[in-house]
Amino acid sequence: MSGITININVNAPYVSLQKYAEITGIPLNTCKKMLADGRIIIRPKRAKMEKPEVNLVAMLKTL
């Protein structure tokens, strides 16, 4: 029996938290809580007030 191959296309390596919520179907408030407790991986911020960008590539590696 051969192994299973799963191909996932990522249109962009980073997306806004709003877009991540849309892609996954997870409510935005739940995504915010997941971000706060570390379940969502983000690109390092350059400035304190910068909006978080979800690192989709890193998120897929954790699967």
N, C-alpha and C. Protein backbone atom coordinates (compact mmCIF):
# COMPACT_ATOMS: atom_id res chain seq x y z
N MET A 1 0.85 -1.17 0.00
CA MET A 1 0.00 0.00 0.00
C MET A 1 0.90 1.23 0.00
N SER A 2 0.58 2.20 -0.86
CA SER A 2 1.39 3.41 -0.93
C SER A 2 0.89 4.45 0.07
N GLY A 3 1.78 5.41 0.37
CA GLY A 3 1.43 6.47 1.31
C GLY A 3 0.45 7.46 0.70
N ILE A 4 -0.16 8.22 1.54
CA ILE A 4 -1.11 9.24 1.11
C ILE A 4 -0.37 10.56 0.93
N THR A 5 -0.65 11.24 -0.18
CA THR A 5 -0.06 12.55 -0.43
C THR A 5 -1.17 13.59 -0.43
N ILE A 6 -0.96 14.64 0.35
CA ILE A 6 -1.92 15.74 0.41
C ILE A 6 -1.22 16.99 -0.09
N ASN A 7 -1.79 17.62 -1.10
CA ASN A 7 -1.24 18.87 -1.62
C ASN A 7 -2.11 20.03 -1.16
N ILE A 8 -1.47 21.03 -0.59
CA ILE A 8 -2.19 22.22 -0.13
C ILE A 8 -1.58 23.43 -0.80
N ASN A 9 -2.41 24.23 -1.46
CA ASN A 9 -1.95 25.45 -2.10
C ASN A 9 -2.13 26.62 -1.15
N VAL A 10 -1.08 27.41 -1.01
CA VAL A 10 -1.12 28.61 -0.18
C VAL A 10 -0.96 29.80 -1.11
N ASN A 11 -2.00 30.63 -1.21
CA ASN A 11 -1.95 31.78 -2.11
C ASN A 11 -0.99 32.86 -1.64
N ALA A 12 -0.81 33.00 -0.34
CA ALA A 12 0.10 33.99 0.23
C ALA A 12 0.67 33.41 1.52
N PRO A 13 1.95 33.67 1.81
CA PRO A 13 2.53 33.11 3.02
C PRO A 13 2.00 33.76 4.30
N TYR A 14 1.55 35.00 4.21
CA TYR A 14 1.02 35.73 5.36
C TYR A 14 -0.34 36.32 5.01
N VAL A 15 -1.28 36.25 5.96
CA VAL A 15 -2.60 36.86 5.78
C VAL A 15 -3.01 37.55 7.07
N SER A 16 -3.93 38.50 6.94
CA SER A 16 -4.44 39.18 8.13
C SER A 16 -5.24 38.19 8.98
N LEU A 17 -5.45 38.56 10.22
CA LEU A 17 -6.23 37.70 11.10
C LEU A 17 -7.67 37.58 10.59
N GLN A 18 -8.20 38.67 10.04
CA GLN A 18 -9.55 38.66 9.45
C GLN A 18 -9.62 37.65 8.30
N LYS A 19 -8.63 37.68 7.40
CA LYS A 19 -8.60 36.77 6.26
C LYS A 19 -8.44 35.32 6.73
N TYR A 20 -7.60 35.10 7.75
CA TYR A 20 -7.42 33.76 8.31
C TYR A 20 -8.75 33.22 8.84
N ALA A 21 -9.51 34.09 9.51
CA ALA A 21 -10.82 33.68 10.02
C ALA A 21 -11.74 33.29 8.87
N GLU A 22 -11.70 34.05 7.78
CA GLU A 22 -12.53 33.74 6.61
C GLU A 22 -12.11 32.41 5.97
N ILE A 23 -10.80 32.21 5.82
CA ILE A 23 -10.28 31.00 5.18
C ILE A 23 -10.66 29.75 5.97
N THR A 24 -10.49 29.83 7.29
CA THR A 24 -10.70 28.65 8.13
C THR A 24 -12.14 28.46 8.58
N GLY A 25 -12.95 29.53 8.50
CA GLY A 25 -14.32 29.44 8.99
C GLY A 25 -14.42 29.57 10.50
N ILE A 26 -13.34 29.98 11.14
CA ILE A 26 -13.32 30.17 12.58
C ILE A 26 -13.74 31.62 12.86
N PRO A 27 -14.64 31.85 13.82
CA PRO A 27 -15.05 33.23 14.13
C PRO A 27 -13.84 34.10 14.51
N LEU A 28 -13.89 35.37 14.12
CA LEU A 28 -12.77 36.28 14.37
C LEU A 28 -12.43 36.38 15.85
N ASN A 29 -13.43 36.45 16.71
CA ASN A 29 -13.15 36.54 18.15
C ASN A 29 -12.43 35.29 18.66
N THR A 30 -12.77 34.14 18.12
CA THR A 30 -12.08 32.90 18.49
C THR A 30 -10.63 32.95 18.02
N CYS A 31 -10.41 33.47 16.80
CA CYS A 31 -9.05 33.61 16.28
C CYS A 31 -8.22 34.54 17.15
N LYS A 32 -8.84 35.61 17.64
CA LYS A 32 -8.13 36.54 18.53
C LYS A 32 -7.71 35.84 19.81
N LYS A 33 -8.58 35.00 20.36
CA LYS A 33 -8.24 34.24 21.56
C LYS A 33 -7.13 33.23 21.27
N MET A 34 -7.21 32.60 20.10
CA MET A 34 -6.18 31.63 19.70
C MET A 34 -4.84 32.32 19.53
N LEU A 35 -4.85 33.54 19.00
CA LEU A 35 -3.62 34.32 18.85
C LEU A 35 -3.04 34.65 20.22
N ALA A 36 -3.91 35.06 21.14
CA ALA A 36 -3.46 35.43 22.48
C ALA A 36 -2.84 34.26 23.23
N ASP A 37 -3.37 33.05 23.02
CA ASP A 37 -2.82 31.90 23.76
C ASP A 37 -1.77 31.11 22.97
N GLY A 38 -1.39 31.64 21.79
CA GLY A 38 -0.27 31.05 21.05
C GLY A 38 -0.61 29.95 20.07
N ARG A 39 -1.88 29.70 19.82
CA ARG A 39 -2.25 28.64 18.87
C ARG A 39 -2.17 29.09 17.42
N ILE A 40 -2.06 30.39 17.18
CA ILE A 40 -1.89 30.93 15.84
C ILE A 40 -0.50 31.55 15.76
N ILE A 41 0.27 31.15 14.74
CA ILE A 41 1.64 31.64 14.56
C ILE A 41 1.60 32.87 13.67
N ILE A 42 2.27 33.94 14.13
CA ILE A 42 2.28 35.18 13.35
C ILE A 42 3.69 35.56 12.94
N ARG A 43 3.76 36.42 11.92
CA ARG A 43 5.03 37.02 11.50
C ARG A 43 5.47 37.96 12.61
N PRO A 44 6.77 37.98 12.93
CA PRO A 44 7.23 38.92 13.97
C PRO A 44 6.88 40.36 13.60
N LYS A 45 6.36 41.09 14.58
CA LYS A 45 5.98 42.48 14.35
C LYS A 45 7.22 43.37 14.36
N ARG A 46 7.22 44.37 13.47
CA ARG A 46 8.31 45.35 13.44
C ARG A 46 8.00 46.53 14.36
N ALA A 47 6.72 46.81 14.53
CA ALA A 47 6.28 47.90 15.39
C ALA A 47 5.19 47.39 16.32
N LYS A 48 5.10 47.97 17.50
CA LYS A 48 4.15 47.49 18.50
C LYS A 48 2.70 47.56 18.02
N MET A 49 2.33 48.60 17.30
CA MET A 49 0.95 48.79 16.86
C MET A 49 0.63 48.11 15.53
N GLU A 50 1.60 47.42 14.95
CA GLU A 50 1.38 46.74 13.67
C GLU A 50 0.35 45.61 13.85
N LYS A 51 -0.52 45.46 12.85
CA LYS A 51 -1.51 44.38 12.91
C LYS A 51 -0.82 43.04 12.70
N PRO A 52 -1.27 42.00 13.42
CA PRO A 52 -0.64 40.69 13.25
C PRO A 52 -0.95 40.09 11.88
N GLU A 53 0.05 39.41 11.32
CA GLU A 53 -0.13 38.68 10.06
C GLU A 53 0.12 37.20 10.35
N VAL A 54 -0.86 36.38 10.04
CA VAL A 54 -0.77 34.94 10.31
C VAL A 54 0.19 34.30 9.31
N ASN A 55 1.13 33.51 9.82
CA ASN A 55 2.11 32.81 9.00
C ASN A 55 1.51 31.46 8.60
N LEU A 56 0.92 31.43 7.40
CA LEU A 56 0.24 30.21 6.95
C LEU A 56 1.21 29.05 6.74
N VAL A 57 2.40 29.34 6.26
CA VAL A 57 3.38 28.27 6.01
C VAL A 57 3.75 27.60 7.33
N ALA A 58 4.02 28.39 8.35
CA ALA A 58 4.36 27.82 9.66
C ALA A 58 3.17 27.07 10.26
N MET A 59 1.97 27.58 10.04
CA MET A 59 0.78 26.90 10.56
C MET A 59 0.61 25.53 9.90
N LEU A 60 0.89 25.44 8.61
CA LEU A 60 0.75 24.16 7.91
C LEU A 60 1.81 23.16 8.36
N LYS A 61 2.99 23.64 8.72
CA LYS A 61 4.06 22.75 9.17
C LYS A 61 3.72 22.08 10.50
N THR A 62 2.83 22.69 11.28
CA THR A 62 2.49 22.13 12.58
C THR A 62 1.44 21.02 12.49
N LEU A 63 0.89 20.82 11.30
CA LEU A 63 -0.15 19.79 11.15
C LEU A 63 0.39 18.41 11.27
